[in-house]
Amino acid sequence: MKAFRLETFDSPPALEDIEAPTPGPGEVALRIHACGLNFADMLMAKGTYQDTPAPPFTLGMEVCGTVTALGCGVESPPVGARVAVFGGQGGLAQVGVFPAALCRPVPKEMPDTVAAGFQVAYGTSHLALTRRARLQPGETLLVLGASGGVGLTAVEIGAALGARVIAVARGAEKLEVARAAGAHDLIDSAEGDLKARLKALGGVDVVYDPVGGDAFTAALSACNREARIVVIGFASGTVPKPPANVLLVKNIDVLGFYWGGYLKFAPEVLTDSLAELMDWYAQGRLSPHVSHTLPLVRADEGLALLAERRATGKVVITP
């Protein structure tokens, strides 16, 4: 089969011919229909992601596919079931093996390309805003990187939770995507003083930050008292160091959030969250945005779209 593999951290990932894997105990084999790309895939290729496996390995963290074989001791999901799974690796291939316990049924009305990129982006924003930030109706939510994979879902979920959403992104086209997702106020990150523009809008109560760097600093300066900043990632490449005196004086919380971490200590949190989100989708409350769908032979182009910030919403690869 074909697989997009990383052999060493000294060379870029590439498409290879390898033997198709077979499921071990507790695993299922999937014929992979689609794989959602994430910023973490780029970090894995460099060996800088917190959960990077030892090479060689196949990239691709989340997939949608059809079960083709069951490992020892597995009774469900059955062969022929269409499921979505976050496996952490192995998704950029024609066939993959994943833990059966992590497979989730996909609603009939949800396309493969949507299901493949649904879990990480929507799951991250849902738990970050509800469990960690405790976002309340009527509060002002600031979303940095608002047109990206996780940022756009934060806009959509924040609006669904009754917040006033301020979206920050670069350029009119990306801001229009954020507006369509439910943003009430739009700020072009390439224009003007972000801190001043946020203060002119009355400050913010919750900050959703997958960017870090200068954007974090500006957002902190515009925080209202008892604001909460949820740290999602550092797409800017710079990890901010918030001054503790500012946090103290304004009673501000800075909260870390790593969606995949719950798999290790509280997987039921992810299961319950995703079940609710699937219900929201079935009810028509969510409209996932996939800006690019590419075949497996162009997986490197998909990663480049993320690296160069040319994508909006999700980039999906279809093996």
C-alpha atoms as a PDB file:
ATOM      1  CA  MET A   1       0.000   0.000   0.000  1.00  0.00           C
ATOM      2  CA  LYS A   2       0.957   3.661  -0.235  1.00  0.00           C
ATOM      3  CA  ALA A   3       1.817   5.595   2.932  1.00  0.00           C
ATOM      4  CA  PHE A   4       3.219   9.070   3.638  1.00  0.00           C
ATOM      5  CA  ARG A   5       6.135   8.220   5.943  1.00  0.00           C
ATOM      6  CA  LEU A   6       8.860   9.867   7.975  1.00  0.00           C
ATOM      7  CA  GLU A   7      12.014   7.760   8.040  1.00  0.00           C
ATOM      8  CA  THR A   8      14.252  10.149  10.006  1.00  0.00           C
ATOM      9  CA  PHE A   9      14.000  13.678  11.362  1.00  0.00           C
ATOM     10  CA  ASP A  10      16.854  14.660   9.018  1.00  0.00           C
ATOM     11  CA  SER A  11      14.789  14.175   5.853  1.00  0.00           C
ATOM     12  CA  PRO A  12      11.273  15.261   4.849  1.00  0.00           C
ATOM     13  CA  PRO A  13       8.388  12.764   4.840  1.00  0.00           C
ATOM     14  CA  ALA A  14       7.679  11.046   1.536  1.00  0.00           C
ATOM     15  CA  LEU A  15       5.244   8.668  -0.122  1.00  0.00           C
ATOM     16  CA  GLU A  16       6.409   5.039   0.131  1.00  0.00           C
ATOM     17  CA  ASP A  17       5.248   1.537  -0.741  1.00  0.00           C
ATOM     18  CA  ILE A  18       4.989  -0.568   2.414  1.00  0.00           C
ATOM     19  CA  GLU A  19       3.227  -3.747   3.487  1.00  0.00           C
ATOM     20  CA  ALA A  20      -0.345  -3.169   4.660  1.00  0.00           C
ATOM     21  CA  PRO A  21      -0.594  -3.587   8.448  1.00  0.00           C
ATOM     22  CA  THR A  22      -2.783  -6.182  10.153  1.00  0.00           C
ATOM     23  CA  PRO A  23      -4.681  -5.502  13.379  1.00  0.00           C
ATOM     24  CA  GLY A  24      -3.309  -6.800  16.668  1.00  0.00           C
ATOM     25  CA  PRO A  25      -5.265  -7.484  19.872  1.00  0.00           C
ATOM     26  CA  GLY A  26      -7.752  -4.712  20.563  1.00  0.00           C
ATOM     27  CA  GLU A  27      -7.264  -3.138  17.133  1.00  0.00           C
ATOM     28  CA  VAL A  28      -9.196  -2.799  13.895  1.00  0.00           C
ATOM     29  CA  ALA A  29      -7.976  -2.315  10.343  1.00  0.00           C
ATOM     30  CA  LEU A  30      -9.504   0.501   8.322  1.00  0.00           C
ATOM     31  CA  ARG A  31      -9.644   1.202   4.632  1.00  0.00           C
ATOM     32  CA  ILE A  32      -8.949   4.912   4.990  1.00  0.00           C
ATOM     33  CA  HIS A  33     -11.254   7.244   3.056  1.00  0.00           C
ATOM     34  CA  ALA A  34      -9.894  10.564   4.344  1.00  0.00           C
ATOM     35  CA  CYS A  35      -7.305  11.944   6.753  1.00  0.00           C
ATOM     36  CA  GLY A  36      -7.481  15.403   8.315  1.00  0.00           C
ATOM     37  CA  LEU A  37      -4.217  17.335   8.540  1.00  0.00           C
ATOM     38  CA  ASN A  38      -3.269  19.214  11.694  1.00  0.00           C
ATOM     39  CA  PHE A  39      -0.560  21.683  12.652  1.00  0.00           C
ATOM     40  CA  ALA A  40       0.799  18.919  14.881  1.00  0.00           C
ATOM     41  CA  ASP A  41       1.610  16.834  11.783  1.00  0.00           C
ATOM     42  CA  MET A  42       4.149  19.471  10.769  1.00  0.00           C
ATOM     43  CA  LEU A  43       5.659  19.461  14.250  1.00  0.00           C
ATOM     44  CA  MET A  44       5.877  15.661  14.211  1.00  0.00           C
ATOM     45  CA  ALA A  45       7.792  15.771  10.941  1.00  0.00           C
ATOM     46  CA  LYS A  46      10.378  17.923  12.736  1.00  0.00           C
ATOM     47  CA  GLY A  47      10.358  15.879  15.938  1.00  0.00           C
ATOM     48  CA  THR A  48       9.130  18.811  18.023  1.00  0.00           C
ATOM     49  CA  TYR A  49       5.597  17.660  18.914  1.00  0.00           C
ATOM     50  CA  GLN A  50       5.033  16.479  22.487  1.00  0.00           C
ATOM     51  CA  ASP A  51       3.739  13.071  21.369  1.00  0.00           C
ATOM     52  CA  THR A  52       6.041  12.386  18.425  1.00  0.00           C
ATOM     53  CA  PRO A  53       6.700   8.649  17.973  1.00  0.00           C
ATOM     54  CA  ALA A  54      10.148   7.332  17.126  1.00  0.00           C
ATOM     55  CA  PRO A  55      10.673   7.126  13.338  1.00  0.00           C
ATOM     56  CA  PRO A  56       9.976   5.506  11.030  1.00  0.00           C
ATOM     57  CA  PHE A  57       6.228   6.110  11.183  1.00  0.00           C
ATOM     58  CA  THR A  58       3.298   7.159   9.020  1.00  0.00           C
ATOM     59  CA  LEU A  59       1.972  10.667   9.562  1.00  0.00           C
ATOM     60  CA  GLY A  60      -1.728  11.496   9.917  1.00  0.00           C
ATOM     61  CA  MET A  61      -3.478  11.863  13.262  1.00  0.00           C
ATOM     62  CA  GLU A  62      -7.203  11.547  12.506  1.00  0.00           C
ATOM     63  CA  VAL A  63      -9.110   9.595   9.882  1.00  0.00           C
ATOM     64  CA  CYS A  64     -12.439   8.376   8.610  1.00  0.00           C
ATOM     65  CA  GLY A  65     -12.621   4.893   7.143  1.00  0.00           C
ATOM     66  CA  THR A  66     -14.398   1.560   6.870  1.00  0.00           C
ATOM     67  CA  VAL A  67     -13.538  -1.357   9.147  1.00  0.00           C
ATOM     68  CA  THR A  68     -12.086  -4.240   7.111  1.00  0.00           C
ATOM     69  CA  ALA A  69     -10.722  -6.583   9.816  1.00  0.00           C
ATOM     70  CA  LEU A  70     -10.864  -7.104  13.579  1.00  0.00           C
ATOM     71  CA  GLY A  71      -7.989  -7.954  15.869  1.00  0.00           C
ATOM     72  CA  CYS A  72      -8.132 -10.583  18.599  1.00  0.00           C
ATOM     73  CA  GLY A  73     -10.773  -9.844  21.213  1.00  0.00           C
ATOM     74  CA  VAL A  74     -12.548  -7.150  19.215  1.00  0.00           C
ATOM     75  CA  GLU A  75     -16.289  -7.437  18.649  1.00  0.00           C
ATOM     76  CA  SER A  76     -17.131  -3.824  17.854  1.00  0.00           C
ATOM     77  CA  PRO A  77     -17.131  -1.865  15.618  1.00  0.00           C
ATOM     78  CA  PRO A  78     -18.086  -4.589  13.129  1.00  0.00           C
ATOM     79  CA  VAL A  79     -16.534  -5.141   9.735  1.00  0.00           C
ATOM     80  CA  GLY A  80     -18.173  -2.745   7.277  1.00  0.00           C
ATOM     81  CA  ALA A  81     -18.806   0.018   9.831  1.00  0.00           C
ATOM     82  CA  ARG A  82     -17.781   3.558   8.887  1.00  0.00           C
ATOM     83  CA  VAL A  83     -15.930   5.193  11.764  1.00  0.00           C
ATOM     84  CA  ALA A  84     -13.791   8.167  12.701  1.00  0.00           C
ATOM     85  CA  VAL A  85     -10.758   7.715  14.909  1.00  0.00           C
ATOM     86  CA  PHE A  86      -7.970   9.794  16.400  1.00  0.00           C
ATOM     87  CA  GLY A  87      -4.990   7.459  16.355  1.00  0.00           C
ATOM     88  CA  GLY A  88      -2.169   9.995  16.653  1.00  0.00           C
ATOM     89  CA  GLN A  89      -0.358   8.567  13.614  1.00  0.00           C
ATOM     90  CA  GLY A  90      -0.903   6.198  10.692  1.00  0.00           C
ATOM     91  CA  GLY A  91      -3.621   8.126   8.878  1.00  0.00           C
ATOM     92  CA  LEU A  92      -1.846   9.195   5.691  1.00  0.00           C
ATOM     93  CA  ALA A  93      -2.092   5.753   4.133  1.00  0.00           C
ATOM     94  CA  GLN A  94      -4.496   3.562   2.228  1.00  0.00           C
ATOM     95  CA  VAL A  95      -4.906   1.201   5.203  1.00  0.00           C
ATOM     96  CA  GLY A  96      -4.316   1.749   8.907  1.00  0.00           C
ATOM     97  CA  VAL A  97      -4.712  -0.076  12.216  1.00  0.00           C
ATOM     98  CA  PHE A  98      -6.133   1.723  15.233  1.00  0.00           C
ATOM     99  CA  PRO A  99      -7.441   0.906  18.729  1.00  0.00           C
ATOM    100  CA  ALA A 100     -11.028  -0.306  18.460  1.00  0.00           C
ATOM    101  CA  ALA A 101     -11.933   1.572  21.653  1.00  0.00           C
ATOM    102  CA  LEU A 102     -11.152   4.903  19.985  1.00  0.00           C
ATOM    103  CA  CYS A 103     -13.357   4.337  16.930  1.00  0.00           C
ATOM    104  CA  ARG A 104     -16.574   6.349  16.830  1.00  0.00           C
ATOM    105  CA  PRO A 105     -19.524   5.855  14.483  1.00  0.00           C
ATOM    106  CA  VAL A 106     -20.035   8.554  11.877  1.00  0.00           C
ATOM    107  CA  PRO A 107     -23.513   9.968  11.130  1.00  0.00           C
ATOM    108  CA  LYS A 108     -24.770   8.893   7.701  1.00  0.00           C
ATOM    109  CA  GLU A 109     -25.170  12.516   6.628  1.00  0.00           C
ATOM    110  CA  MET A 110     -21.533  13.411   7.482  1.00  0.00           C
ATOM    111  CA  PRO A 111     -19.175  13.137   4.465  1.00  0.00           C
ATOM    112  CA  ASP A 112     -15.856  11.302   4.849  1.00  0.00           C
ATOM    113  CA  THR A 113     -13.880  14.517   4.365  1.00  0.00           C
ATOM    114  CA  VAL A 114     -15.792  16.240   7.172  1.00  0.00           C
ATOM    115  CA  ALA A 115     -15.590  13.271   9.559  1.00  0.00           C
ATOM    116  CA  ALA A 116     -11.834  12.964   9.032  1.00  0.00           C
ATOM    117  CA  GLY A 117     -11.140  16.508  10.197  1.00  0.00           C
ATOM    118  CA  PHE A 118     -13.884  16.841  12.792  1.00  0.00           C
ATOM    119  CA  GLN A 119     -12.514  15.380  16.008  1.00  0.00           C
ATOM    120  CA  VAL A 120      -9.402  17.398  16.804  1.00  0.00           C
ATOM    121  CA  ALA A 121     -10.629  20.816  15.668  1.00  0.00           C
ATOM    122  CA  TYR A 122     -14.144  20.697  17.097  1.00  0.00           C
ATOM    123  CA  GLY A 123     -13.150  18.638  20.121  1.00  0.00           C
ATOM    124  CA  THR A 124     -10.390  21.088  21.008  1.00  0.00           C
ATOM    125  CA  SER A 125     -12.607  24.158  20.819  1.00  0.00           C
ATOM    126  CA  HIS A 126     -15.575  22.568  22.571  1.00  0.00           C
ATOM    127  CA  LEU A 127     -13.654  21.412  25.643  1.00  0.00           C
ATOM    128  CA  ALA A 128     -11.365  24.455  25.716  1.00  0.00           C
ATOM    129  CA  LEU A 129     -14.322  26.817  25.819  1.00  0.00           C
ATOM    130  CA  THR A 130     -16.691  24.798  28.028  1.00  0.00           C
ATOM    131  CA  ARG A 131     -14.513  22.769  30.402  1.00  0.00           C
ATOM    132  CA  ARG A 132     -11.465  25.042  30.714  1.00  0.00           C
ATOM    133  CA  ALA A 133     -12.608  28.609  29.998  1.00  0.00           C
ATOM    134  CA  ARG A 134     -16.172  28.178  31.321  1.00  0.00           C
ATOM    135  CA  LEU A 135     -17.422  30.541  28.604  1.00  0.00           C
ATOM    136  CA  GLN A 136     -20.777  32.108  29.515  1.00  0.00           C
ATOM    137  CA  PRO A 137     -23.513  33.603  27.286  1.00  0.00           C
ATOM    138  CA  GLY A 138     -22.983  37.313  26.814  1.00  0.00           C
ATOM    139  CA  GLU A 139     -19.223  37.223  27.409  1.00  0.00           C
ATOM    140  CA  THR A 140     -16.768  38.476  24.798  1.00  0.00           C
ATOM    141  CA  LEU A 141     -14.609  35.773  23.251  1.00  0.00           C
ATOM    142  CA  LEU A 142     -11.464  36.667  21.331  1.00  0.00           C
ATOM    143  CA  VAL A 143     -10.289  34.046  18.826  1.00  0.00           C
ATOM    144  CA  LEU A 144      -6.762  34.461  17.487  1.00  0.00           C
ATOM    145  CA  GLY A 145      -5.918  32.653  14.257  1.00  0.00           C
ATOM    146  CA  ALA A 146      -9.654  32.601  13.638  1.00  0.00           C
ATOM    147  CA  SER A 147      -9.571  31.173  10.104  1.00  0.00           C
ATOM    148  CA  GLY A 148      -7.412  28.148  10.905  1.00  0.00           C
ATOM    149  CA  GLY A 149      -8.413  24.580  11.651  1.00  0.00           C
ATOM    150  CA  VAL A 150      -9.094  25.027  15.361  1.00  0.00           C
ATOM    151  CA  GLY A 151      -9.665  28.788  15.324  1.00  0.00           C
ATOM    152  CA  LEU A 152     -12.627  28.596  12.978  1.00  0.00           C
ATOM    153  CA  THR A 153     -14.339  25.979  15.144  1.00  0.00           C
ATOM    154  CA  ALA A 154     -13.796  28.202  18.186  1.00  0.00           C
ATOM    155  CA  VAL A 155     -15.612  31.015  16.402  1.00  0.00           C
ATOM    156  CA  GLU A 156     -18.501  28.716  15.532  1.00  0.00           C
ATOM    157  CA  ILE A 157     -18.787  27.067  18.947  1.00  0.00           C
ATOM    158  CA  GLY A 158     -18.331  30.344  20.814  1.00  0.00           C
ATOM    159  CA  ALA A 159     -21.197  31.889  18.873  1.00  0.00           C
ATOM    160  CA  ALA A 160     -23.323  28.782  19.484  1.00  0.00           C
ATOM    161  CA  LEU A 161     -22.677  29.143  23.224  1.00  0.00           C
ATOM    162  CA  GLY A 162     -24.014  32.696  23.153  1.00  0.00           C
ATOM    163  CA  ALA A 163     -20.775  34.672  23.274  1.00  0.00           C
ATOM    164  CA  ARG A 164     -19.913  37.808  21.329  1.00  0.00           C
ATOM    165  CA  VAL A 165     -17.015  36.643  19.151  1.00  0.00           C
ATOM    166  CA  ILE A 166     -14.126  38.821  18.009  1.00  0.00           C
ATOM    167  CA  ALA A 167     -12.190  37.068  15.223  1.00  0.00           C
ATOM    168  CA  VAL A 168      -8.592  37.959  14.377  1.00  0.00           C
ATOM    169  CA  ALA A 169      -7.126  36.713  11.076  1.00  0.00           C
ATOM    170  CA  ARG A 170      -4.979  38.006   8.235  1.00  0.00           C
ATOM    171  CA  GLY A 171      -6.733  39.417   5.168  1.00  0.00           C
ATOM    172  CA  ALA A 172     -10.281  40.072   4.043  1.00  0.00           C
ATOM    173  CA  GLU A 173     -10.824  36.583   2.600  1.00  0.00           C
ATOM    174  CA  LYS A 174      -9.980  34.804   5.850  1.00  0.00           C
ATOM    175  CA  LEU A 175     -12.027  37.265   7.885  1.00  0.00           C
ATOM    176  CA  GLU A 176     -15.029  36.603   5.654  1.00  0.00           C
ATOM    177  CA  VAL A 177     -14.728  32.891   6.451  1.00  0.00           C
ATOM    178  CA  ALA A 178     -14.732  33.764  10.165  1.00  0.00           C
ATOM    179  CA  ARG A 179     -17.749  36.032   9.727  1.00  0.00           C
ATOM    180  CA  ALA A 180     -19.649  33.232   8.015  1.00  0.00           C
ATOM    181  CA  ALA A 181     -18.845  30.983  10.996  1.00  0.00           C
ATOM    182  CA  GLY A 182     -20.510  33.418  13.387  1.00  0.00           C
ATOM    183  CA  ALA A 183     -17.977  36.131  14.299  1.00  0.00           C
ATOM    184  CA  HIS A 184     -19.535  39.430  15.352  1.00  0.00           C
ATOM    185  CA  ASP A 185     -16.419  41.631  15.076  1.00  0.00           C
ATOM    186  CA  LEU A 186     -13.501  41.206  12.675  1.00  0.00           C
ATOM    187  CA  ILE A 187      -9.911  42.394  13.050  1.00  0.00           C
ATOM    188  CA  ASP A 188      -7.246  42.088  10.367  1.00  0.00           C
ATOM    189  CA  SER A 189      -4.032  41.068  12.142  1.00  0.00           C
ATOM    190  CA  ALA A 190      -1.994  42.835   9.449  1.00  0.00           C
ATOM    191  CA  GLU A 191      -3.533  46.231  10.145  1.00  0.00           C
ATOM    192  CA  GLY A 192      -3.179  48.551  13.124  1.00  0.00           C
ATOM    193  CA  ASP A 193      -2.563  48.067  16.827  1.00  0.00           C
ATOM    194  CA  LEU A 194      -4.318  44.892  17.992  1.00  0.00           C
ATOM    195  CA  LYS A 195      -4.251  45.895  21.648  1.00  0.00           C
ATOM    196  CA  ALA A 196      -5.841  49.288  20.920  1.00  0.00           C
ATOM    197  CA  ARG A 197      -8.501  47.819  18.651  1.00  0.00           C
ATOM    198  CA  LEU A 198      -9.478  45.220  21.253  1.00  0.00           C
ATOM    199  CA  LYS A 199      -9.741  47.846  23.978  1.00  0.00           C
ATOM    200  CA  ALA A 200     -11.867  49.996  21.691  1.00  0.00           C
ATOM    201  CA  LEU A 201     -14.273  47.049  21.464  1.00  0.00           C
ATOM    202  CA  GLY A 202     -14.561  46.926  25.252  1.00  0.00           C
ATOM    203  CA  GLY A 203     -11.878  44.365  26.052  1.00  0.00           C
ATOM    204  CA  VAL A 204     -12.286  40.591  26.209  1.00  0.00           C
ATOM    205  CA  ASP A 205     -13.403  38.022  28.772  1.00  0.00           C
ATOM    206  CA  VAL A 206     -12.016  34.854  27.186  1.00  0.00           C
ATOM    207  CA  VAL A 207      -9.056  34.472  24.809  1.00  0.00           C
ATOM    208  CA  TYR A 208      -8.664  31.389  22.600  1.00  0.00           C
ATOM    209  CA  ASP A 209      -5.024  31.404  21.502  1.00  0.00           C
ATOM    210  CA  PRO A 210      -3.479  28.910  19.070  1.00  0.00           C
ATOM    211  CA  VAL A 211      -0.947  31.557  17.965  1.00  0.00           C
ATOM    212  CA  GLY A 212       1.176  32.792  20.882  1.00  0.00           C
ATOM    213  CA  GLY A 213       3.861  35.425  20.394  1.00  0.00           C
ATOM    214  CA  ASP A 214       2.907  39.097  20.041  1.00  0.00           C
ATOM    215  CA  ALA A 215      -0.779  38.260  19.603  1.00  0.00           C
ATOM    216  CA  PHE A 216      -0.846  36.715  23.095  1.00  0.00           C
ATOM    217  CA  THR A 217       0.768  39.824  24.565  1.00  0.00           C
ATOM    218  CA  ALA A 218      -1.747  42.148  22.897  1.00  0.00           C
ATOM    219  CA  ALA A 219      -4.663  39.979  23.998  1.00  0.00           C
ATOM    220  CA  LEU A 220      -3.436  39.911  27.592  1.00  0.00           C
ATOM    221  CA  SER A 221      -3.256  43.701  27.622  1.00  0.00           C
ATOM    222  CA  ALA A 222      -6.890  43.898  26.483  1.00  0.00           C
ATOM    223  CA  CYS A 223      -8.231  41.390  29.012  1.00  0.00           C
ATOM    224  CA  ASN A 224     -11.000  42.462  31.353  1.00  0.00           C
ATOM    225  CA  ARG A 225     -10.836  41.562  35.029  1.00  0.00           C
ATOM    226  CA  GLU A 226     -11.258  37.823  35.719  1.00  0.00           C
ATOM    227  CA  ALA A 227     -10.595  37.024  32.058  1.00  0.00           C
ATOM    228  CA  ARG A 228      -9.446  33.568  31.034  1.00  0.00           C
ATOM    229  CA  ILE A 229      -6.789  32.889  28.396  1.00  0.00           C
ATOM    230  CA  VAL A 230      -6.759  29.374  26.957  1.00  0.00           C
ATOM    231  CA  VAL A 231      -3.389  28.407  25.479  1.00  0.00           C
ATOM    232  CA  ILE A 232      -3.974  26.081  22.507  1.00  0.00           C
ATOM    233  CA  GLY A 233      -0.649  26.271  20.656  1.00  0.00           C
ATOM    234  CA  PHE A 234       2.097  28.444  19.250  1.00  0.00           C
ATOM    235  CA  ALA A 235       1.641  28.790  15.502  1.00  0.00           C
ATOM    236  CA  SER A 236       3.751  31.952  15.576  1.00  0.00           C
ATOM    237  CA  GLY A 237       6.724  29.906  16.734  1.00  0.00           C
ATOM    238  CA  THR A 238       7.081  31.948  19.923  1.00  0.00           C
ATOM    239  CA  VAL A 239       6.006  30.678  23.338  1.00  0.00           C
ATOM    240  CA  PRO A 240       4.792  33.658  25.395  1.00  0.00           C
ATOM    241  CA  LYS A 241       5.856  34.302  28.985  1.00  0.00           C
ATOM    242  CA  PRO A 242       2.973  36.127  30.682  1.00  0.00           C
ATOM    243  CA  PRO A 243       3.981  38.539  33.449  1.00  0.00           C
ATOM    244  CA  ALA A 244       2.639  37.162  36.720  1.00  0.00           C
ATOM    245  CA  ASN A 245       2.077  40.651  38.144  1.00  0.00           C
ATOM    246  CA  VAL A 246      -0.483  41.417  35.418  1.00  0.00           C
ATOM    247  CA  LEU A 247      -2.278  38.148  36.089  1.00  0.00           C
ATOM    248  CA  LEU A 248      -2.377  38.985  39.792  1.00  0.00           C
ATOM    249  CA  VAL A 249      -3.606  42.568  39.520  1.00  0.00           C
ATOM    250  CA  LYS A 250      -6.418  41.761  37.075  1.00  0.00           C
ATOM    251  CA  ASN A 251      -7.283  38.284  38.436  1.00  0.00           C
ATOM    252  CA  ILE A 252      -6.595  36.687  35.055  1.00  0.00           C
ATOM    253  CA  ASP A 253      -6.336  32.922  34.516  1.00  0.00           C
ATOM    254  CA  VAL A 254      -3.975  31.432  31.926  1.00  0.00           C
ATOM    255  CA  LEU A 255      -5.138  27.895  31.172  1.00  0.00           C
ATOM    256  CA  GLY A 256      -3.293  25.247  29.195  1.00  0.00           C
ATOM    257  CA  PHE A 257      -5.274  22.904  26.985  1.00  0.00           C
ATOM    258  CA  TYR A 258      -4.074  19.793  25.130  1.00  0.00           C
ATOM    259  CA  TRP A 259      -6.963  17.789  23.665  1.00  0.00           C
ATOM    260  CA  GLY A 260      -4.978  14.604  23.037  1.00  0.00           C
ATOM    261  CA  GLY A 261      -3.764  14.541  26.625  1.00  0.00           C
ATOM    262  CA  TYR A 262      -7.197  13.474  27.844  1.00  0.00           C
ATOM    263  CA  LEU A 263      -6.753  10.128  26.081  1.00  0.00           C
ATOM    264  CA  LYS A 264      -4.212   9.219  28.765  1.00  0.00           C
ATOM    265  CA  PHE A 265      -6.022  10.272  31.937  1.00  0.00           C
ATOM    266  CA  ALA A 266      -9.716  10.932  31.201  1.00  0.00           C
ATOM    267  CA  PRO A 267     -10.775   9.517  27.807  1.00  0.00           C
ATOM    268  CA  GLU A 268     -14.439   9.703  28.795  1.00  0.00           C
ATOM    269  CA  VAL A 269     -14.146  13.493  28.668  1.00  0.00           C
ATOM    270  CA  LEU A 270     -13.346  13.285  24.951  1.00  0.00           C
ATOM    271  CA  THR A 271     -16.009  10.659  24.323  1.00  0.00           C
ATOM    272  CA  ASP A 272     -18.762  12.726  25.946  1.00  0.00           C
ATOM    273  CA  SER A 273     -17.646  15.907  24.171  1.00  0.00           C
ATOM    274  CA  LEU A 274     -17.538  14.273  20.739  1.00  0.00           C
ATOM    275  CA  ALA A 275     -20.930  12.642  21.276  1.00  0.00           C
ATOM    276  CA  GLU A 276     -22.416  16.078  21.965  1.00  0.00           C
ATOM    277  CA  LEU A 277     -20.688  17.576  18.940  1.00  0.00           C
ATOM    278  CA  MET A 278     -21.933  14.790  16.659  1.00  0.00           C
ATOM    279  CA  ASP A 279     -25.448  15.542  17.909  1.00  0.00           C
ATOM    280  CA  TRP A 280     -24.942  19.226  17.139  1.00  0.00           C
ATOM    281  CA  TYR A 281     -23.852  18.309  13.615  1.00  0.00           C
ATOM    282  CA  ALA A 282     -26.865  16.045  13.113  1.00  0.00           C
ATOM    283  CA  GLN A 283     -29.102  18.919  14.263  1.00  0.00           C
ATOM    284  CA  GLY A 284     -27.536  21.263  11.702  1.00  0.00           C
ATOM    285  CA  ARG A 285     -25.885  23.451  14.343  1.00  0.00           C
ATOM    286  CA  LEU A 286     -22.365  23.032  12.925  1.00  0.00           C
ATOM    287  CA  SER A 287     -21.068  23.711   9.414  1.00  0.00           C
ATOM    288  CA  PRO A 288     -17.511  22.330   9.109  1.00  0.00           C
ATOM    289  CA  HIS A 289     -15.319  24.139   6.594  1.00  0.00           C
ATOM    290  CA  VAL A 290     -12.851  22.182   4.440  1.00  0.00           C
ATOM    291  CA  SER A 291     -10.846  24.514   2.215  1.00  0.00           C
ATOM    292  CA  HIS A 292      -8.703  21.910   0.420  1.00  0.00           C
ATOM    293  CA  THR A 293      -9.108  18.229  -0.410  1.00  0.00           C
ATOM    294  CA  LEU A 294      -6.041  16.581  -1.949  1.00  0.00           C
ATOM    295  CA  PRO A 295      -5.031  13.031  -2.939  1.00  0.00           C
ATOM    296  CA  LEU A 296      -2.378  11.149  -0.980  1.00  0.00           C
ATOM    297  CA  VAL A 297       0.289  11.826  -3.614  1.00  0.00           C
ATOM    298  CA  ARG A 298      -0.057  15.533  -2.762  1.00  0.00           C
ATOM    299  CA  ALA A 299       0.142  15.184   1.028  1.00  0.00           C
ATOM    300  CA  ASP A 300       3.271  17.327   1.086  1.00  0.00           C
ATOM    301  CA  GLU A 301       1.305  20.132  -0.582  1.00  0.00           C
ATOM    302  CA  GLY A 302      -1.314  19.839   2.144  1.00  0.00           C
ATOM    303  CA  LEU A 303       1.304  20.321   4.859  1.00  0.00           C
ATOM    304  CA  ALA A 304       2.690  23.299   2.930  1.00  0.00           C
ATOM    305  CA  LEU A 305      -0.768  24.901   2.905  1.00  0.00           C
ATOM    306  CA  LEU A 306      -0.776  24.759   6.707  1.00  0.00           C
ATOM    307  CA  ALA A 307       2.818  25.925   7.075  1.00  0.00           C
ATOM    308  CA  GLU A 308       2.266  28.907   4.792  1.00  0.00           C
ATOM    309  CA  ARG A 309      -1.146  29.699   6.311  1.00  0.00           C
ATOM    310  CA  ARG A 310      -2.893  29.515   2.957  1.00  0.00           C
ATOM    311  CA  ALA A 311      -5.682  27.247   4.170  1.00  0.00           C
ATOM    312  CA  THR A 312      -8.889  28.092   5.985  1.00  0.00           C
ATOM    313  CA  GLY A 313     -10.612  25.526   8.154  1.00  0.00           C
ATOM    314  CA  LYS A 314      -9.336  22.018   7.431  1.00  0.00           C
ATOM    315  CA  VAL A 315      -7.069  20.465   4.815  1.00  0.00           C
ATOM    316  CA  VAL A 316      -8.029  16.848   4.117  1.00  0.00           C
ATOM    317  CA  ILE A 317      -6.129  14.108   2.282  1.00  0.00           C
ATOM    318  CA  THR A 318      -8.038  11.329   0.498  1.00  0.00           C
ATOM    319  CA  PRO A 319      -5.979   8.143   0.102  1.00  0.00           C
END
